C-alpha atoms as a PDB file:
ATOM      1  CA  MET A   1      63.340  20.880  65.829  1.00  0.00           C
ATOM      2  CA  GLY A   2      65.552  23.652  64.509  1.00  0.00           C
ATOM      3  CA  ILE A   3      68.503  25.645  65.831  1.00  0.00           C
ATOM      4  CA  LEU A   4      66.325  28.026  67.861  1.00  0.00           C
ATOM      5  CA  GLY A   5      64.084  25.275  69.209  1.00  0.00           C
ATOM      6  CA  ASN A   6      67.084  23.249  70.375  1.00  0.00           C
ATOM      7  CA  ALA A   7      68.266  26.352  72.214  1.00  0.00           C
ATOM      8  CA  GLY A   8      64.885  26.796  73.885  1.00  0.00           C
ATOM      9  CA  ILE A   9      63.948  29.843  71.809  1.00  0.00           C
ATOM     10  CA  THR A  10      60.884  30.402  69.642  1.00  0.00           C
ATOM     11  CA  PRO A  11      61.139  32.311  66.320  1.00  0.00           C
ATOM     12  CA  ASN A  12      59.063  35.197  67.697  1.00  0.00           C
ATOM     13  CA  GLU A  13      61.657  35.725  70.455  1.00  0.00           C
ATOM     14  CA  VAL A  14      64.387  36.835  68.016  1.00  0.00           C
ATOM     15  CA  PRO A  15      65.421  40.310  69.259  1.00  0.00           C
ATOM     16  CA  LYS A  16      65.178  43.259  66.898  1.00  0.00           C
ATOM     17  CA  ASP A  17      67.792  44.996  69.048  1.00  0.00           C
ATOM     18  CA  PRO A  18      70.430  42.386  69.990  1.00  0.00           C
ATOM     19  CA  PHE A  19      72.152  44.900  72.277  1.00  0.00           C
ATOM     20  CA  GLY A  20      69.105  45.348  74.491  1.00  0.00           C
ATOM     21  CA  PHE A  21      68.949  49.149  74.497  1.00  0.00           C
ATOM     22  CA  GLY A  22      65.177  49.040  74.096  1.00  0.00           C
ATOM     23  CA  ASN A  23      63.242  52.285  74.248  1.00  0.00           C
ATOM     24  CA  ASP A  24      64.905  53.474  77.454  1.00  0.00           C
ATOM     25  CA  TYR A  25      67.070  56.537  77.965  1.00  0.00           C
ATOM     26  CA  HIS A  26      70.745  55.898  78.628  1.00  0.00           C
ATOM     27  CA  PRO A  27      73.534  58.183  79.898  1.00  0.00           C
ATOM     28  CA  VAL A  28      75.856  59.069  77.009  1.00  0.00           C
ATOM     29  CA  LYS A  29      78.979  61.170  76.634  1.00  0.00           C
ATOM     30  CA  LEU A  30      80.111  62.975  73.491  1.00  0.00           C
ATOM     31  CA  VAL A  31      83.745  61.863  73.301  1.00  0.00           C
ATOM     32  CA  ASN A  32      84.776  63.462  70.010  1.00  0.00           C
ATOM     33  CA  VAL A  33      83.676  65.172  66.800  1.00  0.00           C
ATOM     34  CA  LYS A  34      85.529  64.583  63.532  1.00  0.00           C
ATOM     35  CA  PRO A  35      85.188  65.973  59.993  1.00  0.00           C
ATOM     36  CA  ARG A  36      85.379  63.858  56.844  1.00  0.00           C
ATOM     37  CA  LYS A  37      88.567  61.791  56.573  1.00  0.00           C
ATOM     38  CA  ASP A  38      90.367  63.968  54.018  1.00  0.00           C
ATOM     39  CA  SER A  39      89.505  67.273  55.737  1.00  0.00           C
ATOM     40  CA  ASP A  40      92.051  69.702  57.138  1.00  0.00           C
ATOM     41  CA  GLN A  41      89.463  71.128  59.564  1.00  0.00           C
ATOM     42  CA  GLU A  42      89.589  70.162  63.241  1.00  0.00           C
ATOM     43  CA  TYR A  43      86.005  69.145  63.960  1.00  0.00           C
ATOM     44  CA  VAL A  44      83.499  69.894  61.205  1.00  0.00           C
ATOM     45  CA  ASP A  45      83.592  70.573  57.477  1.00  0.00           C
ATOM     46  CA  ILE A  46      81.682  70.245  54.222  1.00  0.00           C
ATOM     47  CA  SER A  47      80.661  66.609  53.744  1.00  0.00           C
ATOM     48  CA  SER A  48      82.273  64.323  51.168  1.00  0.00           C
ATOM     49  CA  SER A  49      79.144  64.669  49.029  1.00  0.00           C
ATOM     50  CA  GLY A  50      79.466  68.460  49.166  1.00  0.00           C
ATOM     51  CA  LYS A  51      75.790  68.772  50.118  1.00  0.00           C
ATOM     52  CA  GLN A  52      75.997  69.210  53.908  1.00  0.00           C
ATOM     53  CA  PHE A  53      78.119  70.844  56.567  1.00  0.00           C
ATOM     54  CA  GLY A  54      78.824  68.963  59.804  1.00  0.00           C
ATOM     55  CA  GLY A  55      80.839  66.160  61.338  1.00  0.00           C
ATOM     56  CA  MET A  56      80.843  62.696  62.859  1.00  0.00           C
ATOM     57  CA  PHE A  57      79.665  62.924  66.479  1.00  0.00           C
ATOM     58  CA  ILE A  58      81.119  60.031  68.478  1.00  0.00           C
ATOM     59  CA  PHE A  59      79.161  58.988  71.563  1.00  0.00           C
ATOM     60  CA  GLN A  60      79.958  56.639  74.423  1.00  0.00           C
ATOM     61  CA  VAL A  61      77.248  54.909  76.475  1.00  0.00           C
ATOM     62  CA  LEU A  62      78.194  55.186  80.161  1.00  0.00           C
ATOM     63  CA  ASP A  63      76.261  52.196  81.439  1.00  0.00           C
ATOM     64  CA  GLU A  64      78.935  49.579  82.118  1.00  0.00           C
ATOM     65  CA  ARG A  65      76.713  46.795  80.796  1.00  0.00           C
ATOM     66  CA  TRP A  66      77.725  48.003  77.329  1.00  0.00           C
ATOM     67  CA  SER A  67      81.399  48.643  78.102  1.00  0.00           C
ATOM     68  CA  PHE A  68      82.263  45.738  75.774  1.00  0.00           C
ATOM     69  CA  LEU A  69      81.469  48.027  72.838  1.00  0.00           C
ATOM     70  CA  GLY A  70      84.693  49.589  71.597  1.00  0.00           C
ATOM     71  CA  LYS A  71      86.899  47.237  73.605  1.00  0.00           C
ATOM     72  CA  GLY A  72      89.755  45.661  71.680  1.00  0.00           C
ATOM     73  CA  ASN A  73      90.080  48.712  69.436  1.00  0.00           C
ATOM     74  CA  ASP A  74      92.891  51.080  70.399  1.00  0.00           C
ATOM     75  CA  SER A  75      91.133  53.989  68.684  1.00  0.00           C
ATOM     76  CA  GLN A  76      87.934  53.590  70.728  1.00  0.00           C
ATOM     77  CA  VAL A  77      86.880  53.870  74.362  1.00  0.00           C
ATOM     78  CA  PRO A  78      84.804  51.258  76.255  1.00  0.00           C
ATOM     79  CA  GLY A  79      81.145  51.796  75.477  1.00  0.00           C
ATOM     80  CA  GLN A  80      81.850  53.698  72.241  1.00  0.00           C
ATOM     81  CA  LEU A  81      78.897  53.587  69.883  1.00  0.00           C
ATOM     82  CA  GLY A  82      80.635  52.791  66.618  1.00  0.00           C
ATOM     83  CA  PHE A  83      82.644  55.365  64.703  1.00  0.00           C
ATOM     84  CA  GLY A  84      80.060  58.100  65.088  1.00  0.00           C
ATOM     85  CA  GLN A  85      76.972  59.459  63.399  1.00  0.00           C
ATOM     86  CA  TRP A  86      76.845  62.300  60.927  1.00  0.00           C
ATOM     87  CA  TRP A  87      75.445  65.505  62.420  1.00  0.00           C
ATOM     88  CA  ALA A  88      74.483  68.271  59.990  1.00  0.00           C
ATOM     89  CA  LEU A  89      75.027  71.835  61.219  1.00  0.00           C
ATOM     90  CA  PRO A  90      74.279  75.325  59.888  1.00  0.00           C
ATOM     91  CA  SER A  91      77.109  76.209  57.505  1.00  0.00           C
ATOM     92  CA  PRO A  92      79.362  79.159  58.386  1.00  0.00           C
ATOM     93  CA  GLU A  93      79.908  82.012  55.912  1.00  0.00           C
ATOM     94  CA  TRP A  94      83.059  80.456  54.416  1.00  0.00           C
ATOM     95  CA  ALA A  95      81.213  77.245  53.457  1.00  0.00           C
ATOM     96  CA  ARG A  96      77.992  78.738  52.089  1.00  0.00           C
ATOM     97  CA  SER A  97      79.117  78.875  48.491  1.00  0.00           C
ATOM     98  CA  ALA A  98      79.088  75.057  48.620  1.00  0.00           C
ATOM     99  CA  VAL A  99      76.414  74.477  51.292  1.00  0.00           C
ATOM    100  CA  PRO A 100      73.836  77.292  51.468  1.00  0.00           C
ATOM    101  CA  PHE A 101      72.099  77.947  54.777  1.00  0.00           C
ATOM    102  CA  ASP A 102      68.766  79.721  55.147  1.00  0.00           C
ATOM    103  CA  PHE A 103      67.521  80.003  58.726  1.00  0.00           C
ATOM    104  CA  ASN A 104      64.012  80.834  57.513  1.00  0.00           C
ATOM    105  CA  SER A 105      63.681  77.578  55.566  1.00  0.00           C
ATOM    106  CA  PRO A 106      62.234  74.420  57.192  1.00  0.00           C
ATOM    107  CA  ASP A 107      65.578  72.614  56.765  1.00  0.00           C
ATOM    108  CA  GLY A 108      67.467  75.530  58.283  1.00  0.00           C
ATOM    109  CA  LYS A 109      65.180  75.612  61.310  1.00  0.00           C
ATOM    110  CA  LYS A 110      65.583  71.851  61.791  1.00  0.00           C
ATOM    111  CA  LEU A 111      69.374  72.194  61.875  1.00  0.00           C
ATOM    112  CA  VAL A 112      69.216  74.982  64.448  1.00  0.00           C
ATOM    113  CA  HIS A 113      66.636  73.135  66.548  1.00  0.00           C
ATOM    114  CA  ALA A 114      68.676  69.897  66.611  1.00  0.00           C
ATOM    115  CA  TRP A 115      71.849  71.714  67.700  1.00  0.00           C
ATOM    116  CA  ALA A 116      69.998  73.735  70.367  1.00  0.00           C
ATOM    117  CA  LYS A 117      68.389  70.564  71.748  1.00  0.00           C
ATOM    118  CA  LEU A 118      71.786  68.868  72.118  1.00  0.00           C
ATOM    119  CA  VAL A 119      73.344  71.952  73.739  1.00  0.00           C
ATOM    120  CA  ASP A 120      70.443  72.202  76.192  1.00  0.00           C
ATOM    121  CA  ALA A 121      70.690  68.490  77.050  1.00  0.00           C
ATOM    122  CA  MET A 122      74.388  68.973  77.754  1.00  0.00           C
ATOM    123  CA  GLY A 123      73.519  71.602  80.375  1.00  0.00           C
ATOM    124  CA  ILE A 124      74.723  74.659  78.465  1.00  0.00           C
ATOM    125  CA  PRO A 125      72.510  77.752  79.017  1.00  0.00           C
ATOM    126  CA  ALA A 126      70.268  78.735  76.095  1.00  0.00           C
ATOM    127  CA  ASP A 127      71.857  82.187  75.815  1.00  0.00           C
ATOM    128  CA  VAL A 128      75.363  80.742  75.286  1.00  0.00           C
ATOM    129  CA  ASP A 129      76.503  80.472  71.655  1.00  0.00           C
ATOM    130  CA  ALA A 130      78.184  77.093  72.106  1.00  0.00           C
ATOM    131  CA  ASP A 131      80.846  75.693  69.783  1.00  0.00           C
ATOM    132  CA  ILE A 132      82.028  72.107  69.265  1.00  0.00           C
ATOM    133  CA  PRO A 133      84.694  72.167  72.033  1.00  0.00           C
ATOM    134  CA  ASP A 134      81.974  73.253  74.479  1.00  0.00           C
ATOM    135  CA  VAL A 135      80.018  70.015  74.032  1.00  0.00           C
ATOM    136  CA  ILE A 136      82.872  67.505  73.730  1.00  0.00           C
ATOM    137  CA  GLY A 137      83.160  65.654  77.028  1.00  0.00           C
ATOM    138  CA  LYS A 138      79.639  66.583  78.126  1.00  0.00           C
ATOM    139  CA  THR A 139      77.010  64.050  79.176  1.00  0.00           C
ATOM    140  CA  CYS A 140      73.240  63.755  78.771  1.00  0.00           C
ATOM    141  CA  LEU A 141      70.496  61.176  78.346  1.00  0.00           C
ATOM    142  CA  ALA A 142      69.571  59.720  74.967  1.00  0.00           C
ATOM    143  CA  LYS A 143      67.946  56.784  73.240  1.00  0.00           C
ATOM    144  CA  ILE A 144      70.186  54.451  71.248  1.00  0.00           C
ATOM    145  CA  TYR A 145      69.092  52.746  68.042  1.00  0.00           C
ATOM    146  CA  PRO A 146      71.391  50.054  66.567  1.00  0.00           C
ATOM    147  CA  LYS A 147      71.142  49.127  62.902  1.00  0.00           C
ATOM    148  CA  GLU A 148      73.141  46.633  60.860  1.00  0.00           C
ATOM    149  CA  ASP A 149      74.460  48.060  57.591  1.00  0.00           C
ATOM    150  CA  GLU A 150      74.750  46.249  54.252  1.00  0.00           C
ATOM    151  CA  ASN A 151      78.293  45.140  55.121  1.00  0.00           C
ATOM    152  CA  GLY A 152      77.261  43.525  58.398  1.00  0.00           C
ATOM    153  CA  PHE A 153      78.633  46.277  60.630  1.00  0.00           C
ATOM    154  CA  TRP A 154      76.522  47.750  63.410  1.00  0.00           C
ATOM    155  CA  GLN A 155      75.815  51.481  63.330  1.00  0.00           C
ATOM    156  CA  PHE A 156      74.316  53.341  66.270  1.00  0.00           C
ATOM    157  CA  ARG A 157      72.015  56.343  66.081  1.00  0.00           C
ATOM    158  CA  VAL A 158      71.834  58.395  69.261  1.00  0.00           C
ATOM    159  CA  ALA A 159      68.720  60.575  69.501  1.00  0.00           C
ATOM    160  CA  GLY A 160      66.092  62.078  71.807  1.00  0.00           C
ATOM    161  CA  PHE A 161      68.569  64.050  73.876  1.00  0.00           C
ATOM    162  CA  LYS A 162      67.569  65.437  77.266  1.00  0.00           C
ATOM    163  CA  PRO A 163      69.416  66.588  80.405  1.00  0.00           C
ATOM    164  CA  ILE A 164      70.416  64.187  83.171  1.00  0.00           C
ATOM    165  CA  PRO A 165      68.220  64.976  86.199  1.00  0.00           C
ATOM    166  CA  LYS A 166      70.141  66.297  89.175  1.00  0.00           C
ATOM    167  CA  ASP A 167      67.857  64.562  91.662  1.00  0.00           C
ATOM    168  CA  GLY A 168      68.267  60.975  90.472  1.00  0.00           C
ATOM    169  CA  SER A 169      66.926  58.656  87.821  1.00  0.00           C
ATOM    170  CA  PRO A 170      63.772  59.453  85.839  1.00  0.00           C
ATOM    171  CA  GLU A 171      61.068  56.851  85.265  1.00  0.00           C
ATOM    172  CA  GLY A 172      62.193  54.145  82.870  1.00  0.00           C
ATOM    173  CA  PHE A 173      65.848  55.122  83.253  1.00  0.00           C
ATOM    174  CA  ASN A 174      68.084  52.053  83.596  1.00  0.00           C
ATOM    175  CA  GLU A 175      70.499  51.483  86.420  1.00  0.00           C
ATOM    176  CA  PHE A 176      73.939  52.656  85.278  1.00  0.00           C
ATOM    177  CA  THR A 177      76.109  49.897  86.697  1.00  0.00           C
ATOM    178  CA  LYS A 178      76.040  46.716  88.686  1.00  0.00           C
ATOM    179  CA  GLU A 179      78.063  46.314  91.858  1.00  0.00           C
ATOM    180  CA  GLY A 180      81.792  46.305  91.325  1.00  0.00           C
ATOM    181  CA  THR A 181      84.035  47.358  88.473  1.00  0.00           C
ATOM    182  CA  SER A 182      86.596  45.776  86.187  1.00  0.00           C
ATOM    183  CA  ASN A 183      89.019  48.659  86.841  1.00  0.00           C
ATOM    184  CA  PRO A 184      89.139  49.150  90.631  1.00  0.00           C
ATOM    185  CA  GLY A 185      90.912  52.246  91.874  1.00  0.00           C
ATOM    186  CA  PRO A 186      90.386  55.339  94.046  1.00  0.00           C
ATOM    187  CA  GLU A 187      86.966  55.902  92.458  1.00  0.00           C
ATOM    188  CA  SER A 188      85.973  52.256  92.116  1.00  0.00           C
ATOM    189  CA  GLY A 189      82.762  52.874  94.053  1.00  0.00           C
ATOM    190  CA  LEU A 190      81.530  55.315  91.424  1.00  0.00           C
ATOM    191  CA  SER A 191      79.473  54.373  88.413  1.00  0.00           C
ATOM    192  CA  ALA A 192      80.755  55.179  84.927  1.00  0.00           C
ATOM    193  CA  MET A 193      78.317  58.075  84.744  1.00  0.00           C
ATOM    194  CA  GLU A 194      79.392  59.474  88.111  1.00  0.00           C
ATOM    195  CA  ARG A 195      83.039  59.371  87.041  1.00  0.00           C
ATOM    196  CA  ALA A 196      82.169  61.107  83.771  1.00  0.00           C
ATOM    197  CA  LEU A 197      80.246  63.814  85.619  1.00  0.00           C
ATOM    198  CA  ARG A 198      83.200  64.375  87.947  1.00  0.00           C
ATOM    199  CA  GLU A 199      85.525  64.738  84.980  1.00  0.00           C
ATOM    200  CA  GLU A 200      83.088  67.136  83.358  1.00  0.00           C
ATOM    201  CA  THR A 201      82.770  69.345  86.447  1.00  0.00           C
ATOM    202  CA  GLY A 202      86.443  69.070  87.416  1.00  0.00           C
ATOM    203  CA  GLU A 203      85.700  67.633  90.856  1.00  0.00           C
END
């Protein structure tokens, strides 16, 4: 009998997603947006390859079952999904000599659609021309896909954004927290998502 058999596991039980996110929606918060490392821009810039315009969108999963992610790293928050995922955006006028943008092209429409979907999921009205600071700190629902890179580090892709229902949990939506908290305080009875929503609304 092998290692798995001795542990009471069969080879077909090896999880493809060791974090257990599955195909469910999870509450996430956009905690920061950063440009390439050598950029002097605040949030977004031309990519290192010079072929795209955008930034690294850093998400945090608010379900406390995954609060171990990011712990032990002073530059991360509990539940942080890696160091971010690249998000391509329509290039502004000043960047178009390097990264052209054509709204009428299929690629241009995809960029606009992706940004509009995120903004809508964050609860920003469709007629508001949102900027990066408008979405930082906002919450929504999303699916989370982990993938191990060639160096053995786990990367997380956050996708399928949609708004958090105001009347409770949608079908298939996981419970945010278990009873109790590792950081008791005045709001210890609140889930991580409830605390994030309070911060977002200023309550």
